PDB file of N, CA and C in Angstrom:
ATOM      1  N   UNK A   1       0.378 -18.372 -17.977  1.00  0.00           N
ATOM      2  CA  UNK A   1       1.024 -18.108 -16.872  1.00  0.00           C
ATOM      3  C   UNK A   1       1.655 -17.325 -16.430  1.00  0.00           C
ATOM      4  N   UNK A   2       1.724 -16.542 -16.017  1.00  0.00           N
ATOM      5  CA  UNK A   2       3.053 -15.426 -14.894  1.00  0.00           C
ATOM      6  C   UNK A   2       4.247 -15.426 -14.438  1.00  0.00           C
ATOM      7  N   UNK A   3       5.192 -14.822 -14.966  1.00  0.00           N
ATOM      8  CA  UNK A   3       7.007 -15.106 -14.764  1.00  0.00           C
ATOM      9  C   UNK A   3       6.899 -13.867 -13.807  1.00  0.00           C
ATOM     10  N   UNK A   4       7.160 -14.278 -12.485  1.00  0.00           N
ATOM     11  CA  UNK A   4       8.080 -12.910 -11.456  1.00  0.00           C
ATOM     12  C   UNK A   4       9.581 -13.687 -10.848  1.00  0.00           C
ATOM     13  N   UNK A   5      10.015 -12.728 -10.721  1.00  0.00           N
ATOM     14  CA  UNK A   5      11.477 -12.623 -10.202  1.00  0.00           C
ATOM     15  C   UNK A   5      11.242 -12.138  -8.668  1.00  0.00           C
ATOM     16  N   UNK A   6      11.470 -13.807  -7.526  1.00  0.00           N
ATOM     17  CA  UNK A   6      11.443 -13.413  -6.369  1.00  0.00           C
ATOM     18  C   UNK A   6      12.568 -13.910  -5.684  1.00  0.00           C
ATOM     19  N   UNK A   7      13.053 -13.008  -5.473  1.00  0.00           N
ATOM     20  CA  UNK A   7      14.161 -12.562  -4.247  1.00  0.00           C
ATOM     21  C   UNK A   7      15.420 -12.691  -5.458  1.00  0.00           C
ATOM     22  N   UNK A   8      15.372 -12.355  -6.503  1.00  0.00           N
ATOM     23  CA  UNK A   8      16.292 -12.831  -7.328  1.00  0.00           C
ATOM     24  C   UNK A   8      16.054 -14.246  -8.678  1.00  0.00           C
ATOM     25  N   UNK A   9      15.379 -14.289  -8.295  1.00  0.00           N
ATOM     26  CA  UNK A   9      15.394 -16.132  -8.319  1.00  0.00           C
ATOM     27  C   UNK A   9      13.734 -15.830  -9.589  1.00  0.00           C
ATOM     28  N   UNK A  10      14.308 -16.385 -11.418  1.00  0.00           N
ATOM     29  CA  UNK A  10      12.339 -16.407 -11.748  1.00  0.00           C
ATOM     30  C   UNK A  10      11.297 -17.042 -11.403  1.00  0.00           C
ATOM     31  N   UNK A  11      10.370 -17.248 -11.338  1.00  0.00           N
ATOM     32  CA  UNK A  11       9.083 -18.448 -10.844  1.00  0.00           C
ATOM     33  C   UNK A  11       8.405 -18.316 -11.986  1.00  0.00           C
ATOM     34  N   UNK A  12       7.725 -19.219 -12.297  1.00  0.00           N
ATOM     35  CA  UNK A  12       6.589 -19.072 -13.106  1.00  0.00           C
ATOM     36  C   UNK A  12       5.421 -19.873 -12.536  1.00  0.00           C
ATOM     37  N   UNK A  13       3.928 -19.289 -12.372  1.00  0.00           N
ATOM     38  CA  UNK A  13       2.711 -19.286 -11.968  1.00  0.00           C
ATOM     39  C   UNK A  13       2.051 -20.142 -12.463  1.00  0.00           C
ATOM     40  N   UNK A  14       0.924 -20.743 -12.463  1.00  0.00           N
ATOM     41  CA  UNK A  14      -0.225 -21.153 -13.949  1.00  0.00           C
ATOM     42  C   UNK A  14      -0.924 -19.573 -14.029  1.00  0.00           C
ATOM     43  N   UNK A  15      -1.319 -19.263 -13.270  1.00  0.00           N
ATOM     44  CA  UNK A  15      -2.144 -17.817 -12.982  1.00  0.00           C
ATOM     45  C   UNK A  15      -2.071 -16.535 -11.892  1.00  0.00           C
ATOM     46  N   UNK A  16      -2.426 -15.900 -12.548  1.00  0.00           N
ATOM     47  CA  UNK A  16      -2.686 -14.730 -11.725  1.00  0.00           C
ATOM     48  C   UNK A  16      -2.566 -15.147 -10.072  1.00  0.00           C
ATOM     49  N   UNK A  17      -2.202 -14.384  -9.383  1.00  0.00           N
ATOM     50  CA  UNK A  17      -2.710 -14.720  -7.540  1.00  0.00           C
ATOM     51  C   UNK A  17      -2.407 -13.689  -7.012  1.00  0.00           C
ATOM     52  N   UNK A  18      -2.881 -14.016  -5.607  1.00  0.00           N
ATOM     53  CA  UNK A  18      -2.704 -12.472  -5.124  1.00  0.00           C
ATOM     54  C   UNK A  18      -1.276 -13.095  -3.724  1.00  0.00           C
ATOM     55  N   UNK A  19      -1.177 -11.907  -3.125  1.00  0.00           N
ATOM     56  CA  UNK A  19      -0.052 -12.315  -2.538  1.00  0.00           C
ATOM     57  C   UNK A  19      -0.230 -13.596  -1.710  1.00  0.00           C
ATOM     58  N   UNK A  20      -1.286 -13.448  -0.584  1.00  0.00           N
ATOM     59  CA  UNK A  20      -1.805 -14.131   0.348  1.00  0.00           C
ATOM     60  C   UNK A  20      -1.314 -15.547  -0.335  1.00  0.00           C
ATOM     61  N   UNK A  21      -1.793 -16.112  -1.387  1.00  0.00           N
ATOM     62  CA  UNK A  21      -2.226 -17.123  -1.753  1.00  0.00           C
ATOM     63  C   UNK A  21      -0.268 -17.707  -1.686  1.00  0.00           C
ATOM     64  N   UNK A  22      -0.152 -16.896  -2.800  1.00  0.00           N
ATOM     65  CA  UNK A  22       1.783 -17.284  -2.727  1.00  0.00           C
ATOM     66  C   UNK A  22       2.329 -17.296  -1.334  1.00  0.00           C
ATOM     67  N   UNK A  23       1.841 -16.609  -0.643  1.00  0.00           N
ATOM     68  CA  UNK A  23       2.237 -16.969   0.813  1.00  0.00           C
ATOM     69  C   UNK A  23       2.317 -18.608   1.159  1.00  0.00           C
ATOM     70  N   UNK A  24       1.356 -18.369   0.722  1.00  0.00           N
ATOM     71  CA  UNK A  24       0.481 -20.364   0.888  1.00  0.00           C
ATOM     72  C   UNK A  24       1.340 -21.082   0.191  1.00  0.00           C
ATOM     73  N   UNK A  25       1.721 -21.058  -0.956  1.00  0.00           N
ATOM     74  CA  UNK A  25       2.337 -21.589  -1.738  1.00  0.00           C
ATOM     75  C   UNK A  25       3.106 -22.098  -1.587  1.00  0.00           C
ATOM     76  N   UNK A  26       3.986 -21.183  -1.272  1.00  0.00           N
ATOM     77  CA  UNK A  26       5.809 -21.430  -0.506  1.00  0.00           C
ATOM     78  C   UNK A  26       5.782 -21.557   0.754  1.00  0.00           C
ATOM     79  N   UNK A  27       4.883 -22.117   1.446  1.00  0.00           N
ATOM     80  CA  UNK A  27       4.506 -22.750   3.283  1.00  0.00           C
ATOM     81  C   UNK A  27       5.270 -21.474   3.612  1.00  0.00           C
ATOM     82  N   UNK A  28       5.144 -20.436   3.649  1.00  0.00           N
ATOM     83  CA  UNK A  28       5.716 -18.895   4.406  1.00  0.00           C
ATOM     84  C   UNK A  28       4.411 -18.559   5.598  1.00  0.00           C
ATOM     85  N   UNK A  29       3.531 -19.613   5.751  1.00  0.00           N
ATOM     86  CA  UNK A  29       1.765 -18.963   6.610  1.00  0.00           C
ATOM     87  C   UNK A  29       2.247 -19.117   8.083  1.00  0.00           C
ATOM     88  N   UNK A  30       1.866 -18.459   8.384  1.00  0.00           N
ATOM     89  CA  UNK A  30       2.171 -17.761  10.190  1.00  0.00           C
ATOM     90  C   UNK A  30       3.627 -17.405  10.395  1.00  0.00           C
ATOM     91  N   UNK A  31       4.421 -16.917   9.459  1.00  0.00           N
ATOM     92  CA  UNK A  31       5.463 -17.114   9.671  1.00  0.00           C
ATOM     93  C   UNK A  31       6.018 -15.454   9.653  1.00  0.00           C
ATOM     94  N   UNK A  32       6.945 -14.998   9.989  1.00  0.00           N
ATOM     95  CA  UNK A  32       7.016 -12.936  10.278  1.00  0.00           C
ATOM     96  C   UNK A  32       8.020 -13.139   8.953  1.00  0.00           C
ATOM     97  N   UNK A  33       6.844 -11.964   8.429  1.00  0.00           N
ATOM     98  CA  UNK A  33       8.031 -12.058   6.815  1.00  0.00           C
ATOM     99  C   UNK A  33       7.202 -10.492   6.557  1.00  0.00           C
ATOM    100  N   UNK A  34       7.891  -9.756   5.079  1.00  0.00           N
ATOM    101  CA  UNK A  34       7.901  -8.315   4.770  1.00  0.00           C
ATOM    102  C   UNK A  34       8.050  -9.136   3.300  1.00  0.00           C
ATOM    103  N   UNK A  35       6.571  -8.660   2.960  1.00  0.00           N
ATOM    104  CA  UNK A  35       7.235  -8.484   1.617  1.00  0.00           C
ATOM    105  C   UNK A  35       7.190  -7.330   0.734  1.00  0.00           C
ATOM    106  N   UNK A  36       7.868  -7.239   0.209  1.00  0.00           N
ATOM    107  CA  UNK A  36       7.918  -5.791  -1.009  1.00  0.00           C
ATOM    108  C   UNK A  36       7.842  -6.224  -2.623  1.00  0.00           C
ATOM    109  N   UNK A  37       7.026  -5.399  -3.200  1.00  0.00           N
ATOM    110  CA  UNK A  37       6.207  -5.969  -4.416  1.00  0.00           C
ATOM    111  C   UNK A  37       6.686  -4.716  -5.531  1.00  0.00           C
ATOM    112  N   UNK A  38       7.785  -4.296  -6.221  1.00  0.00           N
ATOM    113  CA  UNK A  38       8.302  -3.826  -7.429  1.00  0.00           C
ATOM    114  C   UNK A  38       8.678  -2.810  -6.405  1.00  0.00           C
ATOM    115  N   UNK A  39       9.593  -2.455  -5.514  1.00  0.00           N
ATOM    116  CA  UNK A  39      10.078  -1.602  -4.402  1.00  0.00           C
ATOM    117  C   UNK A  39       9.489  -0.784  -3.439  1.00  0.00           C
ATOM    118  N   UNK A  40       7.684  -1.668  -3.325  1.00  0.00           N
ATOM    119  CA  UNK A  40       6.905  -0.664  -2.301  1.00  0.00           C
ATOM    120  C   UNK A  40       6.675  -2.059  -1.786  1.00  0.00           C
ATOM    121  N   UNK A  41       7.050  -1.992   0.084  1.00  0.00           N
ATOM    122  CA  UNK A  41       6.810  -3.101   0.857  1.00  0.00           C
ATOM    123  C   UNK A  41       5.012  -2.796   0.939  1.00  0.00           C
ATOM    124  N   UNK A  42       4.342  -4.046   1.042  1.00  0.00           N
ATOM    125  CA  UNK A  42       2.765  -4.211   1.014  1.00  0.00           C
ATOM    126  C   UNK A  42       2.933  -4.442   2.403  1.00  0.00           C
ATOM    127  N   UNK A  43       1.901  -3.301   2.839  1.00  0.00           N
ATOM    128  CA  UNK A  43       1.065  -3.862   3.912  1.00  0.00           C
ATOM    129  C   UNK A  43       0.420  -4.977   4.237  1.00  0.00           C
ATOM    130  N   UNK A  44       0.390  -5.672   5.400  1.00  0.00           N
ATOM    131  CA  UNK A  44      -0.124  -7.305   5.562  1.00  0.00           C
ATOM    132  C   UNK A  44      -1.497  -7.130   5.129  1.00  0.00           C
ATOM    133  N   UNK A  45      -2.234  -6.273   5.482  1.00  0.00           N
ATOM    134  CA  UNK A  45      -3.808  -5.962   5.766  1.00  0.00           C
ATOM    135  C   UNK A  45      -4.067  -5.855   4.406  1.00  0.00           C
ATOM    136  N   UNK A  46      -3.192  -5.607   3.047  1.00  0.00           N
ATOM    137  CA  UNK A  46      -3.302  -5.105   1.791  1.00  0.00           C
ATOM    138  C   UNK A  46      -3.394  -6.933   1.210  1.00  0.00           C
ATOM    139  N   UNK A  47      -2.790  -7.822   1.799  1.00  0.00           N
ATOM    140  CA  UNK A  47      -1.644  -9.135   1.064  1.00  0.00           C
ATOM    141  C   UNK A  47      -3.056  -9.458  -0.085  1.00  0.00           C
ATOM    142  N   UNK A  48      -4.232  -9.572   0.686  1.00  0.00           N
ATOM    143  CA  UNK A  48      -5.256 -10.655  -0.282  1.00  0.00           C
ATOM    144  C   UNK A  48      -5.932  -9.184  -1.275  1.00  0.00           C
ATOM    145  N   UNK A  49      -5.594  -8.426  -1.263  1.00  0.00           N
ATOM    146  CA  UNK A  49      -6.232  -7.083  -2.776  1.00  0.00           C
ATOM    147  C   UNK A  49      -5.109  -6.895  -3.962  1.00  0.00           C
ATOM    148  N   UNK A  50      -3.992  -7.209  -3.641  1.00  0.00           N
ATOM    149  CA  UNK A  50      -2.575  -7.126  -4.192  1.00  0.00           C
ATOM    150  C   UNK A  50      -2.328  -8.582  -5.146  1.00  0.00           C
ATOM    151  N   UNK A  51      -2.625  -8.720  -6.627  1.00  0.00           N
ATOM    152  CA  UNK A  51      -2.526  -9.831  -7.686  1.00  0.00           C
ATOM    153  C   UNK A  51      -1.712  -9.368  -7.974  1.00  0.00           C
ATOM    154  N   UNK A  52      -0.561 -10.438  -8.129  1.00  0.00           N
ATOM    155  CA  UNK A  52       0.874 -10.300  -8.784  1.00  0.00           C
ATOM    156  C   UNK A  52       0.560 -10.711 -10.082  1.00  0.00           C
ATOM    157  N   UNK A  53       1.292  -9.708 -10.772  1.00  0.00           N
ATOM    158  CA  UNK A  53       1.475  -9.347 -12.680  1.00  0.00           C
ATOM    159  C   UNK A  53       2.493  -9.756 -12.897  1.00  0.00           C
ATOM    160  N   UNK A  54       2.715 -10.185 -14.622  1.00  0.00           N
ATOM    161  CA  UNK A  54       3.808 -10.588 -14.882  1.00  0.00           C
ATOM    162  C   UNK A  54       4.707  -9.350 -15.289  1.00  0.00           C
ATOM    163  N   UNK A  55       6.177 -10.302 -14.965  1.00  0.00           N
ATOM    164  CA  UNK A  55       6.916  -8.791 -14.665  1.00  0.00           C
ATOM    165  C   UNK A  55       7.116  -8.707 -13.350  1.00  0.00           C
ATOM    166  N   UNK A  56       6.389  -8.456 -11.952  1.00  0.00           N
ATOM    167  CA  UNK A  56       6.497  -8.125 -10.956  1.00  0.00           C
ATOM    168  C   UNK A  56       7.836  -8.553 -10.089  1.00  0.00           C
ATOM    169  N   UNK A  57       8.328  -8.317  -9.551  1.00  0.00           N
ATOM    170  CA  UNK A  57       9.358  -8.257  -9.098  1.00  0.00           C
ATOM    171  C   UNK A  57       8.799  -7.955  -7.044  1.00  0.00           C
ATOM    172  N   UNK A  58       9.695  -9.100  -6.579  1.00  0.00           N
ATOM    173  CA  UNK A  58       9.255  -9.604  -5.454  1.00  0.00           C
ATOM    174  C   UNK A  58      10.597  -9.941  -4.247  1.00  0.00           C
ATOM    175  N   UNK A  59      10.162  -9.367  -3.124  1.00  0.00           N
ATOM    176  CA  UNK A  59      11.600  -9.439  -2.435  1.00  0.00           C
ATOM    177  C   UNK A  59      10.900  -9.530  -1.215  1.00  0.00           C
ATOM    178  N   UNK A  60      11.137 -10.991  -0.435  1.00  0.00           N
ATOM    179  CA  UNK A  60      10.666 -11.365   0.111  1.00  0.00           C
ATOM    180  C   UNK A  60      11.403 -11.763   1.459  1.00  0.00           C
ATOM    181  N   UNK A  61      11.058 -11.092   3.118  1.00  0.00           N
ATOM    182  CA  UNK A  61      12.145 -11.198   3.368  1.00  0.00           C
ATOM    183  C   UNK A  61      11.288 -12.395   4.921  1.00  0.00           C
ATOM    184  N   UNK A  62      12.352 -13.339   5.141  1.00  0.00           N
ATOM    185  CA  UNK A  62      11.793 -13.963   7.021  1.00  0.00           C
ATOM    186  C   UNK A  62      12.711 -13.755   8.016  1.00  0.00           C
ATOM    187  N   UNK A  63      11.795 -12.915   8.877  1.00  0.00           N
ATOM    188  CA  UNK A  63      12.656 -12.920  10.067  1.00  0.00           C
ATOM    189  C   UNK A  63      12.962 -13.864  11.192  1.00  0.00           C
ATOM    190  N   UNK A  64      14.060 -13.572  11.562  1.00  0.00           N
ATOM    191  CA  UNK A  64      14.304 -14.632  11.760  1.00  0.00           C
ATOM    192  C   UNK A  64      15.322 -14.462  13.449  1.00  0.00           C
ATOM    193  N   UNK A  65      14.591 -14.977  14.507  1.00  0.00           N
ATOM    194  CA  UNK A  65      14.971 -14.670  15.898  1.00  0.00           C
ATOM    195  C   UNK A  65      16.455 -15.811  16.407  1.00  0.00           C
ATOM    196  N   UNK A  66      16.801 -14.747  17.542  1.00  0.00           N
ATOM    197  CA  UNK A  66      17.989 -15.294  17.869  1.00  0.00           C
ATOM    198  C   UNK A  66      18.394 -13.884  19.028  1.00  0.00           C
ATOM    199  N   UNK A  67      20.058 -14.938  19.313  1.00  0.00           N
ATOM    200  CA  UNK A  67      20.857 -13.808  20.494  1.00  0.00           C
ATOM    201  C   UNK A  67      21.624 -14.119  21.065  1.00  0.00           C
TER     202      UNK A  67
END
């Protein structure tokens, strides 16, 4: 089990997952989002390569349209 902080909230996962899996688990697939891991923006093309580890801090920003 690993523990992460996501947008300031502590979350637990059964095992290490990559960012693509995190997006799927949180119903964010297809949404316009940006993800910051430990203070650095993760390029969308690298989501599958970045496995989350114990203590990681994620900030997930969802783009909202309007005007």
